[in-house]
């Protein structure tokens, strides 16, 4: 019934999302439980369905029936245990870090394109921790492979965001110089992520 409920929700304004599916399935169970209760109350007590679990009921049965009954009970207990484990220890989603670069006005554009030697350039760097753990980050600015500035360290909890301006000042003239931003994670010596753009430096 869950796929059918999802199919119906797909054609409504709510769509297939967690809350609509949860509420719809819960409402379906509630309504059908009421209907089942009413129908059961109309039956004679001896005709009503009931479930009895007890190993004493296995007496008088053949060895094959006893083995099958025990296996069935073990499967039920295992399914309940697996469900409990899934609820208590949910699967961790994909681990990653969002690392982005904005212009000085906060847009994904208007990065510095031309500067003079000693002239300060500025961008805004942003980090969003999606690693499902606490992480410490550090950012280095490199111009043509030479370290020019750095930011951090900054420690972020899972799903926490950090954004700050970062300056760099070129000290060598030349065209098409690579301004690179290296993100380091938890004190690592190798960059975890990289971003860059190109810039012309006038004398």
N, C-alpha and C. Protein backbone atom coordinates (compact mmCIF):
# COMPACT_ATOMS: atom_id res chain seq x y z
N UNK A 1 0.81 -1.21 0.00
CA UNK A 1 0.00 0.00 0.00
C UNK A 1 0.85 1.27 0.00
N UNK A 2 2.05 1.19 0.57
CA UNK A 2 2.88 2.40 0.64
C UNK A 2 3.22 2.95 -0.76
N UNK A 3 3.63 2.10 -1.74
CA UNK A 3 3.87 2.64 -3.08
C UNK A 3 2.61 3.27 -3.69
N UNK A 4 1.45 2.68 -3.44
CA UNK A 4 0.22 3.25 -3.98
C UNK A 4 -0.08 4.60 -3.34
N UNK A 5 0.14 4.71 -2.03
CA UNK A 5 -0.06 5.99 -1.35
C UNK A 5 0.91 7.03 -1.90
N UNK A 6 2.16 6.62 -2.11
CA UNK A 6 3.14 7.54 -2.69
C UNK A 6 2.76 7.98 -4.08
N UNK A 7 2.21 7.05 -4.87
CA UNK A 7 1.78 7.40 -6.23
C UNK A 7 0.66 8.43 -6.20
N UNK A 8 -0.28 8.26 -5.27
CA UNK A 8 -1.36 9.24 -5.14
C UNK A 8 -0.82 10.60 -4.68
N UNK A 9 0.10 10.58 -3.73
CA UNK A 9 0.66 11.84 -3.25
C UNK A 9 1.41 12.59 -4.34
N UNK A 10 1.97 11.85 -5.28
CA UNK A 10 2.73 12.47 -6.36
C UNK A 10 1.86 13.40 -7.20
N UNK A 11 0.55 13.18 -7.20
CA UNK A 11 -0.36 14.01 -7.99
C UNK A 11 -1.08 15.03 -7.12
N UNK A 12 -0.60 15.26 -5.92
CA UNK A 12 -1.18 16.28 -5.04
C UNK A 12 -0.18 17.41 -4.84
N UNK A 13 -0.63 18.45 -4.16
CA UNK A 13 0.24 19.59 -3.91
C UNK A 13 1.33 19.29 -2.89
N UNK A 14 1.17 18.20 -2.10
CA UNK A 14 2.16 17.89 -1.08
C UNK A 14 3.36 17.12 -1.63
N UNK A 15 3.15 16.30 -2.67
CA UNK A 15 4.25 15.55 -3.26
C UNK A 15 4.74 14.42 -2.37
N UNK A 16 5.77 13.72 -2.87
CA UNK A 16 6.34 12.59 -2.13
C UNK A 16 7.46 13.12 -1.24
N UNK A 17 7.11 13.51 -0.04
CA UNK A 17 8.07 13.96 0.96
C UNK A 17 7.83 13.22 2.26
N UNK A 18 8.78 13.37 3.20
CA UNK A 18 8.73 12.59 4.43
C UNK A 18 7.42 12.79 5.18
N UNK A 19 7.07 14.05 5.45
CA UNK A 19 5.89 14.31 6.28
C UNK A 19 4.59 13.85 5.63
N UNK A 20 4.33 14.19 4.34
CA UNK A 20 3.08 13.70 3.73
C UNK A 20 2.97 12.17 3.71
N UNK A 21 4.09 11.48 3.40
CA UNK A 21 4.06 10.01 3.38
C UNK A 21 3.79 9.47 4.78
N UNK A 22 4.46 10.02 5.78
CA UNK A 22 4.28 9.57 7.16
C UNK A 22 2.83 9.74 7.60
N UNK A 23 2.28 10.94 7.39
CA UNK A 23 0.91 11.21 7.84
C UNK A 23 -0.10 10.38 7.06
N UNK A 24 0.13 10.19 5.75
CA UNK A 24 -0.81 9.43 4.94
C UNK A 24 -0.83 7.96 5.33
N UNK A 25 0.35 7.37 5.55
CA UNK A 25 0.41 5.96 5.95
C UNK A 25 -0.20 5.79 7.33
N UNK A 26 0.09 6.71 8.26
CA UNK A 26 -0.49 6.63 9.60
C UNK A 26 -2.01 6.74 9.55
N UNK A 27 -2.53 7.65 8.70
CA UNK A 27 -3.98 7.80 8.57
C UNK A 27 -4.60 6.54 7.97
N UNK A 28 -3.92 5.94 6.97
CA UNK A 28 -4.41 4.71 6.36
C UNK A 28 -4.49 3.58 7.40
N UNK A 29 -3.44 3.44 8.21
CA UNK A 29 -3.44 2.40 9.25
C UNK A 29 -4.54 2.66 10.27
N UNK A 30 -4.72 3.90 10.66
CA UNK A 30 -5.75 4.25 11.65
C UNK A 30 -7.15 3.91 11.15
N UNK A 31 -7.44 4.29 9.90
CA UNK A 31 -8.78 4.06 9.34
C UNK A 31 -9.04 2.56 9.16
N UNK A 32 -8.05 1.84 8.58
CA UNK A 32 -8.25 0.41 8.36
C UNK A 32 -8.32 -0.36 9.68
N UNK A 33 -7.63 0.13 10.72
CA UNK A 33 -7.71 -0.52 12.03
C UNK A 33 -9.12 -0.38 12.62
N UNK A 34 -9.71 0.79 12.43
CA UNK A 34 -11.09 0.99 12.91
C UNK A 34 -12.04 0.06 12.16
N UNK A 35 -11.88 -0.02 10.84
CA UNK A 35 -12.75 -0.90 10.04
C UNK A 35 -12.57 -2.35 10.48
N UNK A 36 -11.30 -2.76 10.69
CA UNK A 36 -11.03 -4.14 11.12
C UNK A 36 -11.64 -4.40 12.50
N UNK A 37 -11.56 -3.42 13.40
CA UNK A 37 -12.13 -3.60 14.74
C UNK A 37 -13.64 -3.75 14.69
N UNK A 38 -14.29 -2.96 13.84
CA UNK A 38 -15.74 -3.06 13.71
C UNK A 38 -16.14 -4.42 13.14
N UNK A 39 -15.44 -4.87 12.11
CA UNK A 39 -15.76 -6.16 11.51
C UNK A 39 -15.52 -7.31 12.49
N UNK A 40 -14.43 -7.19 13.28
CA UNK A 40 -14.13 -8.25 14.25
C UNK A 40 -15.20 -8.31 15.34
N UNK A 41 -15.72 -7.15 15.75
CA UNK A 41 -16.73 -7.12 16.82
C UNK A 41 -18.03 -7.77 16.39
N UNK A 42 -18.28 -7.86 15.09
CA UNK A 42 -19.51 -8.46 14.59
C UNK A 42 -19.43 -9.99 14.52
N UNK A 43 -18.24 -10.54 14.71
CA UNK A 43 -18.07 -11.99 14.65
C UNK A 43 -18.26 -12.60 16.03
N UNK A 44 -18.63 -13.85 16.04
CA UNK A 44 -18.72 -14.58 17.30
C UNK A 44 -17.31 -14.74 17.87
N UNK A 45 -17.14 -14.75 19.19
CA UNK A 45 -15.81 -14.84 19.79
C UNK A 45 -14.98 -15.99 19.26
N UNK A 46 -15.63 -17.15 19.02
CA UNK A 46 -14.86 -18.31 18.56
C UNK A 46 -14.41 -18.17 17.10
N UNK A 47 -15.02 -17.22 16.35
CA UNK A 47 -14.66 -17.04 14.95
C UNK A 47 -13.63 -15.92 14.75
N UNK A 48 -13.33 -15.20 15.81
CA UNK A 48 -12.40 -14.07 15.68
C UNK A 48 -10.97 -14.54 15.57
N UNK A 49 -10.21 -13.86 14.74
CA UNK A 49 -8.80 -14.19 14.56
C UNK A 49 -8.01 -13.81 15.81
N UNK A 50 -7.12 -14.67 16.22
CA UNK A 50 -6.27 -14.37 17.37
C UNK A 50 -4.91 -15.01 17.15
N UNK A 51 -3.92 -14.45 17.80
CA UNK A 51 -2.54 -14.95 17.69
C UNK A 51 -2.09 -15.40 19.06
N UNK A 52 -1.64 -16.65 19.15
CA UNK A 52 -1.11 -17.18 20.40
C UNK A 52 0.28 -17.72 20.15
N UNK A 53 1.24 -17.22 20.94
CA UNK A 53 2.63 -17.67 20.80
C UNK A 53 3.01 -18.43 22.06
N UNK A 54 3.40 -19.67 21.88
CA UNK A 54 3.81 -20.48 23.03
C UNK A 54 4.37 -21.79 22.55
N UNK A 55 5.52 -22.16 23.11
CA UNK A 55 6.14 -23.42 22.69
C UNK A 55 5.33 -24.62 23.13
N UNK A 56 4.44 -24.42 24.13
CA UNK A 56 3.61 -25.53 24.57
C UNK A 56 2.66 -26.00 23.49
N UNK A 57 2.35 -25.12 22.55
CA UNK A 57 1.44 -25.48 21.46
C UNK A 57 2.10 -26.46 20.49
N UNK A 58 3.42 -26.64 20.62
CA UNK A 58 4.11 -27.54 19.70
C UNK A 58 3.96 -29.00 20.08
N UNK A 59 3.43 -29.27 21.30
CA UNK A 59 3.28 -30.66 21.73
C UNK A 59 2.28 -31.39 20.83
N UNK A 60 2.63 -32.58 20.48
CA UNK A 60 1.74 -33.37 19.64
C UNK A 60 1.99 -33.19 18.16
N UNK A 61 2.85 -32.22 17.80
CA UNK A 61 3.14 -32.01 16.38
C UNK A 61 4.35 -32.83 15.97
N UNK A 62 4.48 -33.03 14.66
CA UNK A 62 5.62 -33.76 14.14
C UNK A 62 6.88 -32.94 14.26
N UNK A 63 8.03 -33.62 14.13
CA UNK A 63 9.32 -32.94 14.26
C UNK A 63 9.48 -31.85 13.21
N UNK A 64 8.96 -32.11 12.00
CA UNK A 64 9.06 -31.12 10.92
C UNK A 64 8.28 -29.85 11.26
N UNK A 65 7.05 -30.01 11.79
CA UNK A 65 6.24 -28.86 12.16
C UNK A 65 6.90 -28.06 13.29
N UNK A 66 7.50 -28.79 14.25
CA UNK A 66 8.16 -28.11 15.37
C UNK A 66 9.33 -27.27 14.88
N UNK A 67 10.14 -27.84 13.97
CA UNK A 67 11.30 -27.12 13.45
C UNK A 67 10.86 -25.87 12.69
N UNK A 68 9.83 -26.02 11.86
CA UNK A 68 9.33 -24.87 11.09
C UNK A 68 8.78 -23.79 12.01
N UNK A 69 8.09 -24.19 13.06
CA UNK A 69 7.55 -23.21 13.99
C UNK A 69 8.66 -22.45 14.72
N UNK A 70 9.70 -23.19 15.13
CA UNK A 70 10.82 -22.54 15.82
C UNK A 70 11.54 -21.58 14.87
N UNK A 71 11.74 -22.01 13.62
CA UNK A 71 12.39 -21.13 12.64
C UNK A 71 11.57 -19.86 12.42
N UNK A 72 10.24 -20.01 12.36
CA UNK A 72 9.36 -18.86 12.17
C UNK A 72 9.50 -17.88 13.34
N UNK A 73 9.53 -18.41 14.56
CA UNK A 73 9.69 -17.54 15.73
C UNK A 73 11.03 -16.82 15.68
N UNK A 74 12.10 -17.54 15.30
CA UNK A 74 13.42 -16.93 15.21
C UNK A 74 13.44 -15.82 14.16
N UNK A 75 12.77 -16.04 13.03
CA UNK A 75 12.71 -15.02 11.99
C UNK A 75 11.98 -13.77 12.49
N UNK A 76 10.89 -13.97 13.23
CA UNK A 76 10.14 -12.83 13.77
C UNK A 76 11.00 -12.04 14.75
N UNK A 77 11.68 -12.76 15.66
CA UNK A 77 12.55 -12.08 16.63
C UNK A 77 13.68 -11.35 15.91
N UNK A 78 14.27 -11.99 14.89
CA UNK A 78 15.34 -11.34 14.14
C UNK A 78 14.86 -10.09 13.41
N UNK A 79 13.65 -10.15 12.83
CA UNK A 79 13.11 -8.98 12.13
C UNK A 79 12.88 -7.82 13.09
N UNK A 80 12.35 -8.15 14.29
CA UNK A 80 12.13 -7.10 15.30
C UNK A 80 13.47 -6.51 15.74
N UNK A 81 14.48 -7.34 15.92
CA UNK A 81 15.80 -6.84 16.30
C UNK A 81 16.42 -5.97 15.22
N UNK A 82 16.28 -6.38 13.96
CA UNK A 82 16.82 -5.58 12.86
C UNK A 82 16.12 -4.23 12.78
N UNK A 83 14.79 -4.23 12.98
CA UNK A 83 14.05 -2.97 12.96
C UNK A 83 14.51 -2.05 14.09
N UNK A 84 14.68 -2.62 15.28
CA UNK A 84 15.13 -1.81 16.42
C UNK A 84 16.52 -1.24 16.16
N UNK A 85 17.42 -2.04 15.59
CA UNK A 85 18.77 -1.57 15.30
C UNK A 85 18.75 -0.44 14.27
N UNK A 86 17.89 -0.56 13.26
CA UNK A 86 17.79 0.47 12.23
C UNK A 86 17.29 1.78 12.81
N UNK A 87 16.34 1.69 13.74
CA UNK A 87 15.80 2.90 14.35
C UNK A 87 16.84 3.55 15.27
N UNK A 88 17.52 2.73 16.07
CA UNK A 88 18.48 3.27 17.04
C UNK A 88 19.76 3.74 16.36
N UNK A 89 20.22 3.01 15.33
CA UNK A 89 21.46 3.35 14.64
C UNK A 89 21.16 3.61 13.17
N UNK A 90 20.60 4.78 12.84
CA UNK A 90 20.28 5.06 11.44
C UNK A 90 21.55 5.16 10.59
N UNK A 91 21.41 4.82 9.33
CA UNK A 91 22.54 4.85 8.41
C UNK A 91 22.99 6.29 8.17
N UNK A 92 24.29 6.51 8.27
CA UNK A 92 24.83 7.84 8.03
C UNK A 92 24.87 8.10 6.53
N UNK A 93 24.43 9.28 6.13
CA UNK A 93 24.41 9.62 4.71
C UNK A 93 25.81 9.91 4.18
N UNK A 94 25.87 10.38 2.98
CA UNK A 94 27.15 10.67 2.33
C UNK A 94 27.89 11.76 3.11
N UNK A 95 29.20 11.59 3.27
CA UNK A 95 30.02 12.55 3.98
C UNK A 95 30.74 13.44 2.97
N UNK A 96 30.62 14.74 3.12
CA UNK A 96 31.31 15.66 2.23
C UNK A 96 31.34 17.05 2.87
N UNK A 97 32.14 17.94 2.29
CA UNK A 97 32.23 19.32 2.72
C UNK A 97 31.95 20.23 1.53
N UNK A 98 31.11 21.22 1.75
CA UNK A 98 30.85 22.23 0.73
C UNK A 98 31.87 23.36 0.91
N UNK A 99 32.62 23.63 -0.13
CA UNK A 99 33.64 24.67 -0.12
C UNK A 99 33.38 25.56 -1.32
N UNK A 100 33.10 26.84 -1.06
CA UNK A 100 32.72 27.72 -2.17
C UNK A 100 33.41 29.07 -2.05
N UNK A 101 33.38 29.81 -3.15
CA UNK A 101 34.09 31.07 -3.28
C UNK A 101 33.13 32.11 -3.85
N UNK A 102 33.01 33.26 -3.19
CA UNK A 102 32.15 34.34 -3.64
C UNK A 102 32.98 35.59 -3.88
N UNK A 103 32.46 36.47 -4.75
CA UNK A 103 33.09 37.76 -4.94
C UNK A 103 32.91 38.63 -3.70
N UNK A 104 33.54 39.80 -3.70
CA UNK A 104 33.49 40.68 -2.53
C UNK A 104 32.07 41.14 -2.22
N UNK A 105 31.17 41.12 -3.22
CA UNK A 105 29.78 41.54 -3.00
C UNK A 105 28.88 40.38 -2.60
N UNK A 106 29.46 39.19 -2.39
CA UNK A 106 28.68 38.05 -1.94
C UNK A 106 28.01 37.27 -3.04
N UNK A 107 28.39 37.47 -4.29
CA UNK A 107 27.81 36.76 -5.42
C UNK A 107 28.84 35.80 -6.02
N UNK A 108 28.32 34.80 -6.75
CA UNK A 108 29.23 33.85 -7.43
C UNK A 108 29.69 34.49 -8.73
N UNK A 109 30.34 35.61 -8.64
CA UNK A 109 30.81 36.38 -9.79
C UNK A 109 31.67 37.53 -9.27
N UNK A 110 32.19 38.33 -10.22
CA UNK A 110 32.95 39.53 -9.89
C UNK A 110 34.17 39.23 -9.03
N UNK A 111 34.86 38.14 -9.36
CA UNK A 111 36.13 37.88 -8.70
C UNK A 111 37.18 38.86 -9.23
N UNK A 112 38.20 39.18 -8.44
CA UNK A 112 39.24 40.09 -8.94
C UNK A 112 39.88 39.54 -10.22
N UNK A 113 40.01 40.39 -11.22
CA UNK A 113 40.60 39.97 -12.49
C UNK A 113 41.92 40.67 -12.76
N UNK A 114 42.06 41.89 -12.27
CA UNK A 114 43.29 42.66 -12.46
C UNK A 114 43.65 43.38 -11.18
N UNK A 115 44.90 43.25 -10.77
CA UNK A 115 45.42 43.96 -9.61
C UNK A 115 46.84 44.43 -9.93
N UNK A 116 47.31 45.38 -9.13
CA UNK A 116 48.70 45.82 -9.23
C UNK A 116 49.49 45.21 -8.07
N UNK A 117 50.80 45.19 -8.22
CA UNK A 117 51.64 44.67 -7.14
C UNK A 117 51.36 45.46 -5.86
N UNK A 118 51.10 44.77 -4.78
CA UNK A 118 50.82 45.41 -3.50
C UNK A 118 49.37 45.81 -3.30
N UNK A 119 48.56 45.67 -4.34
CA UNK A 119 47.13 46.01 -4.21
C UNK A 119 46.38 44.82 -3.61
N UNK A 120 45.51 45.12 -2.67
CA UNK A 120 44.80 44.05 -1.95
C UNK A 120 43.59 43.58 -2.76
N UNK A 121 43.49 42.27 -2.91
CA UNK A 121 42.29 41.66 -3.47
C UNK A 121 41.52 40.95 -2.38
N UNK A 122 40.23 40.80 -2.57
CA UNK A 122 39.41 40.18 -1.52
C UNK A 122 38.32 39.31 -2.13
N UNK A 123 38.09 38.16 -1.52
CA UNK A 123 36.98 37.27 -1.87
C UNK A 123 36.33 36.81 -0.56
N UNK A 124 35.23 36.12 -0.67
CA UNK A 124 34.55 35.54 0.49
C UNK A 124 34.60 34.03 0.34
N UNK A 125 35.10 33.36 1.35
CA UNK A 125 35.14 31.90 1.32
C UNK A 125 34.05 31.36 2.24
N UNK A 126 33.50 30.22 1.85
CA UNK A 126 32.44 29.59 2.64
C UNK A 126 32.68 28.10 2.79
N UNK A 127 32.34 27.58 3.96
CA UNK A 127 32.49 26.16 4.25
C UNK A 127 31.22 25.68 4.94
N UNK A 128 30.69 24.54 4.48
CA UNK A 128 29.56 23.90 5.14
C UNK A 128 29.96 22.46 5.45
N UNK A 129 29.91 22.11 6.72
CA UNK A 129 30.31 20.77 7.15
C UNK A 129 29.14 19.80 7.01
N UNK A 130 29.28 18.82 6.10
CA UNK A 130 28.31 17.74 5.94
C UNK A 130 28.97 16.39 6.19
N UNK A 131 29.94 16.37 7.10
CA UNK A 131 30.73 15.17 7.35
C UNK A 131 30.15 14.28 8.44
N UNK A 132 29.05 14.69 9.07
CA UNK A 132 28.42 13.93 10.17
C UNK A 132 29.37 13.78 11.36
N UNK A 133 30.27 14.74 11.53
CA UNK A 133 31.17 14.77 12.67
C UNK A 133 31.76 16.16 12.78
N UNK A 134 32.36 16.46 13.92
CA UNK A 134 33.01 17.75 14.11
C UNK A 134 34.34 17.77 13.34
N UNK A 135 34.56 18.84 12.56
CA UNK A 135 35.75 18.92 11.71
C UNK A 135 36.40 20.30 11.89
N UNK A 136 37.73 20.33 11.91
CA UNK A 136 38.48 21.58 11.95
C UNK A 136 39.08 21.84 10.57
N UNK A 137 38.82 23.03 10.04
CA UNK A 137 39.26 23.40 8.69
C UNK A 137 40.28 24.54 8.75
N UNK A 138 41.09 24.60 7.70
CA UNK A 138 42.02 25.72 7.50
C UNK A 138 42.13 25.98 6.00
N UNK A 139 42.24 27.25 5.62
CA UNK A 139 42.30 27.63 4.21
C UNK A 139 43.59 28.39 3.95
N UNK A 140 44.30 28.02 2.89
CA UNK A 140 45.50 28.73 2.46
C UNK A 140 45.26 29.34 1.08
N UNK A 141 45.80 30.56 0.88
CA UNK A 141 45.75 31.22 -0.43
C UNK A 141 47.13 31.11 -1.06
N UNK A 142 47.16 30.60 -2.29
CA UNK A 142 48.42 30.46 -3.02
C UNK A 142 48.32 31.29 -4.31
N UNK A 143 49.38 32.05 -4.60
CA UNK A 143 49.46 32.77 -5.87
C UNK A 143 50.65 32.23 -6.64
N UNK A 144 50.36 31.59 -7.76
CA UNK A 144 51.39 30.92 -8.56
C UNK A 144 52.25 29.98 -7.72
N UNK A 145 51.58 29.23 -6.82
CA UNK A 145 52.26 28.22 -6.04
C UNK A 145 52.95 28.72 -4.79
N UNK A 146 52.85 30.02 -4.51
CA UNK A 146 53.49 30.58 -3.32
C UNK A 146 52.41 31.00 -2.32
N UNK A 147 52.57 30.57 -1.07
CA UNK A 147 51.58 30.91 -0.05
C UNK A 147 51.55 32.41 0.18
N UNK A 148 50.31 32.98 0.19
CA UNK A 148 50.15 34.42 0.34
C UNK A 148 49.38 34.80 1.60
N UNK A 149 48.43 33.94 2.02
CA UNK A 149 47.64 34.24 3.22
C UNK A 149 46.94 32.95 3.65
N UNK A 150 46.31 33.00 4.81
CA UNK A 150 45.56 31.85 5.28
C UNK A 150 44.44 32.29 6.21
N UNK A 151 43.47 31.40 6.41
CA UNK A 151 42.35 31.64 7.32
C UNK A 151 42.12 30.39 8.15
N UNK A 152 41.74 30.60 9.41
CA UNK A 152 41.49 29.47 10.29
C UNK A 152 42.65 29.25 11.23
N UNK A 153 42.62 28.18 11.99
CA UNK A 153 41.61 27.08 11.88
C UNK A 153 40.25 27.47 12.43
N UNK A 154 39.21 26.84 11.85
CA UNK A 154 37.84 27.03 12.31
C UNK A 154 37.22 25.65 12.48
N UNK A 155 36.54 25.44 13.60
CA UNK A 155 35.93 24.15 13.91
C UNK A 155 34.43 24.24 13.73
N UNK A 156 33.86 23.32 12.95
CA UNK A 156 32.44 23.31 12.65
C UNK A 156 31.81 21.99 13.05
N UNK A 157 30.63 22.07 13.64
CA UNK A 157 29.83 20.88 13.90
C UNK A 157 29.16 20.44 12.59
N UNK A 158 28.58 19.24 12.61
CA UNK A 158 27.87 18.76 11.42
C UNK A 158 26.74 19.72 11.05
N UNK A 159 26.64 20.05 9.77
CA UNK A 159 25.60 20.92 9.21
C UNK A 159 25.80 22.39 9.60
N UNK A 160 26.96 22.72 10.16
CA UNK A 160 27.24 24.11 10.52
C UNK A 160 27.97 24.79 9.36
N UNK A 161 27.71 26.09 9.18
CA UNK A 161 28.26 26.85 8.06
C UNK A 161 29.15 27.97 8.58
N UNK A 162 30.22 28.26 7.84
CA UNK A 162 31.12 29.36 8.16
C UNK A 162 31.44 30.11 6.89
N UNK A 163 31.43 31.45 6.97
CA UNK A 163 31.70 32.28 5.81
C UNK A 163 32.44 33.53 6.28
N UNK A 164 33.51 33.91 5.56
CA UNK A 164 34.32 35.05 5.99
C UNK A 164 35.10 35.59 4.80
N UNK A 165 35.42 36.90 4.82
CA UNK A 165 36.27 37.47 3.76
C UNK A 165 37.72 37.02 3.93
N UNK A 166 38.42 36.92 2.81
CA UNK A 166 39.82 36.51 2.84
C UNK A 166 40.58 37.37 1.83
N UNK A 167 41.64 38.03 2.30
CA UNK A 167 42.43 38.93 1.46
C UNK A 167 43.65 38.22 0.91
N UNK A 168 44.16 38.76 -0.20
CA UNK A 168 45.44 38.32 -0.74
C UNK A 168 46.09 39.52 -1.43
N UNK A 169 47.41 39.59 -1.40
CA UNK A 169 48.15 40.73 -1.95
C UNK A 169 49.27 40.23 -2.84
N UNK A 170 49.15 40.36 -4.14
CA UNK A 170 50.20 39.86 -5.04
C UNK A 170 51.48 40.69 -4.90
N UNK A 171 52.62 40.03 -5.07
CA UNK A 171 53.90 40.71 -4.97
C UNK A 171 54.77 40.48 -6.20
N UNK A 172 54.18 39.95 -7.26
CA UNK A 172 54.94 39.71 -8.49
C UNK A 172 54.04 39.97 -9.69
N UNK A 173 54.55 40.73 -10.65
CA UNK A 173 53.77 41.06 -11.84
C UNK A 173 53.74 39.87 -12.79
N UNK A 174 52.68 39.82 -13.60
CA UNK A 174 52.55 38.75 -14.59
C UNK A 174 51.10 38.51 -14.95
N UNK A 175 50.89 37.99 -16.14
CA UNK A 175 49.54 37.69 -16.61
C UNK A 175 49.17 36.26 -16.28
N UNK A 176 47.87 36.04 -16.14
CA UNK A 176 47.31 34.70 -15.90
C UNK A 176 47.99 34.01 -14.72
N UNK A 177 48.06 34.70 -13.60
CA UNK A 177 48.58 34.07 -12.39
C UNK A 177 47.43 33.33 -11.68
N UNK A 178 47.73 32.16 -11.22
CA UNK A 178 46.73 31.30 -10.60
C UNK A 178 46.60 31.62 -9.12
N UNK A 179 45.41 32.07 -8.73
CA UNK A 179 45.11 32.31 -7.32
C UNK A 179 44.32 31.11 -6.84
N UNK A 180 44.92 30.33 -5.94
CA UNK A 180 44.35 29.06 -5.54
C UNK A 180 44.00 29.09 -4.05
N UNK A 181 42.87 28.47 -3.71
CA UNK A 181 42.40 28.39 -2.33
C UNK A 181 42.35 26.92 -1.93
N UNK A 182 43.17 26.55 -0.97
CA UNK A 182 43.31 25.16 -0.55
C UNK A 182 42.63 24.97 0.80
N UNK A 183 41.75 23.98 0.86
CA UNK A 183 41.05 23.66 2.11
C UNK A 183 41.69 22.43 2.74
N UNK A 184 42.14 22.58 3.99
CA UNK A 184 42.74 21.47 4.73
C UNK A 184 41.76 21.03 5.82
N UNK A 185 41.75 19.74 6.08
CA UNK A 185 40.79 19.15 7.03
C UNK A 185 41.52 18.46 8.16
N UNK A 186 41.15 18.82 9.40
CA UNK A 186 41.67 18.16 10.60
C UNK A 186 43.20 18.11 10.63
N UNK A 187 43.83 19.22 10.27
CA UNK A 187 45.28 19.31 10.36
C UNK A 187 46.04 18.53 9.32
N UNK A 188 45.37 18.05 8.29
CA UNK A 188 46.04 17.28 7.25
C UNK A 188 47.05 18.11 6.49
N UNK A 189 48.06 17.44 5.93
CA UNK A 189 49.10 18.13 5.16
C UNK A 189 48.76 18.25 3.68
N UNK A 190 47.81 17.46 3.21
CA UNK A 190 47.38 17.50 1.81
C UNK A 190 46.02 18.19 1.70
N UNK A 191 45.84 19.03 0.68
CA UNK A 191 44.56 19.73 0.53
C UNK A 191 43.40 18.75 0.37
N UNK A 192 42.32 19.07 1.05
CA UNK A 192 41.11 18.25 0.96
C UNK A 192 40.26 18.68 -0.24
N UNK A 193 40.20 20.01 -0.49
CA UNK A 193 39.49 20.55 -1.65
C UNK A 193 40.27 21.75 -2.17
N UNK A 194 40.05 22.09 -3.46
CA UNK A 194 40.74 23.21 -4.09
C UNK A 194 39.76 24.05 -4.90
N UNK A 195 40.00 25.36 -4.88
CA UNK A 195 39.28 26.29 -5.76
C UNK A 195 40.31 27.27 -6.32
N UNK A 196 40.06 27.82 -7.51
CA UNK A 196 41.02 28.77 -8.06
C UNK A 196 40.36 29.65 -9.13
N UNK A 197 41.02 30.76 -9.40
CA UNK A 197 40.70 31.58 -10.57
C UNK A 197 42.01 32.21 -11.04
N UNK A 198 41.97 32.88 -12.20
CA UNK A 198 43.17 33.46 -12.80
C UNK A 198 43.09 34.98 -12.74
N UNK A 199 44.26 35.62 -12.60
CA UNK A 199 44.29 37.06 -12.43
C UNK A 199 45.54 37.63 -13.11
N UNK A 200 45.42 38.88 -13.60
CA UNK A 200 46.56 39.59 -14.20
C UNK A 200 47.09 40.58 -13.17
N UNK A 201 48.41 40.55 -12.94
CA UNK A 201 49.05 41.45 -11.97
C UNK A 201 49.91 42.45 -12.75
N UNK A 202 49.59 43.72 -12.61
CA UNK A 202 50.34 44.79 -13.29
C UNK A 202 51.50 45.25 -12.42
N UNK A 203 52.57 45.75 -13.03
CA UNK A 203 53.71 46.26 -12.26
C UNK A 203 53.28 47.43 -11.36
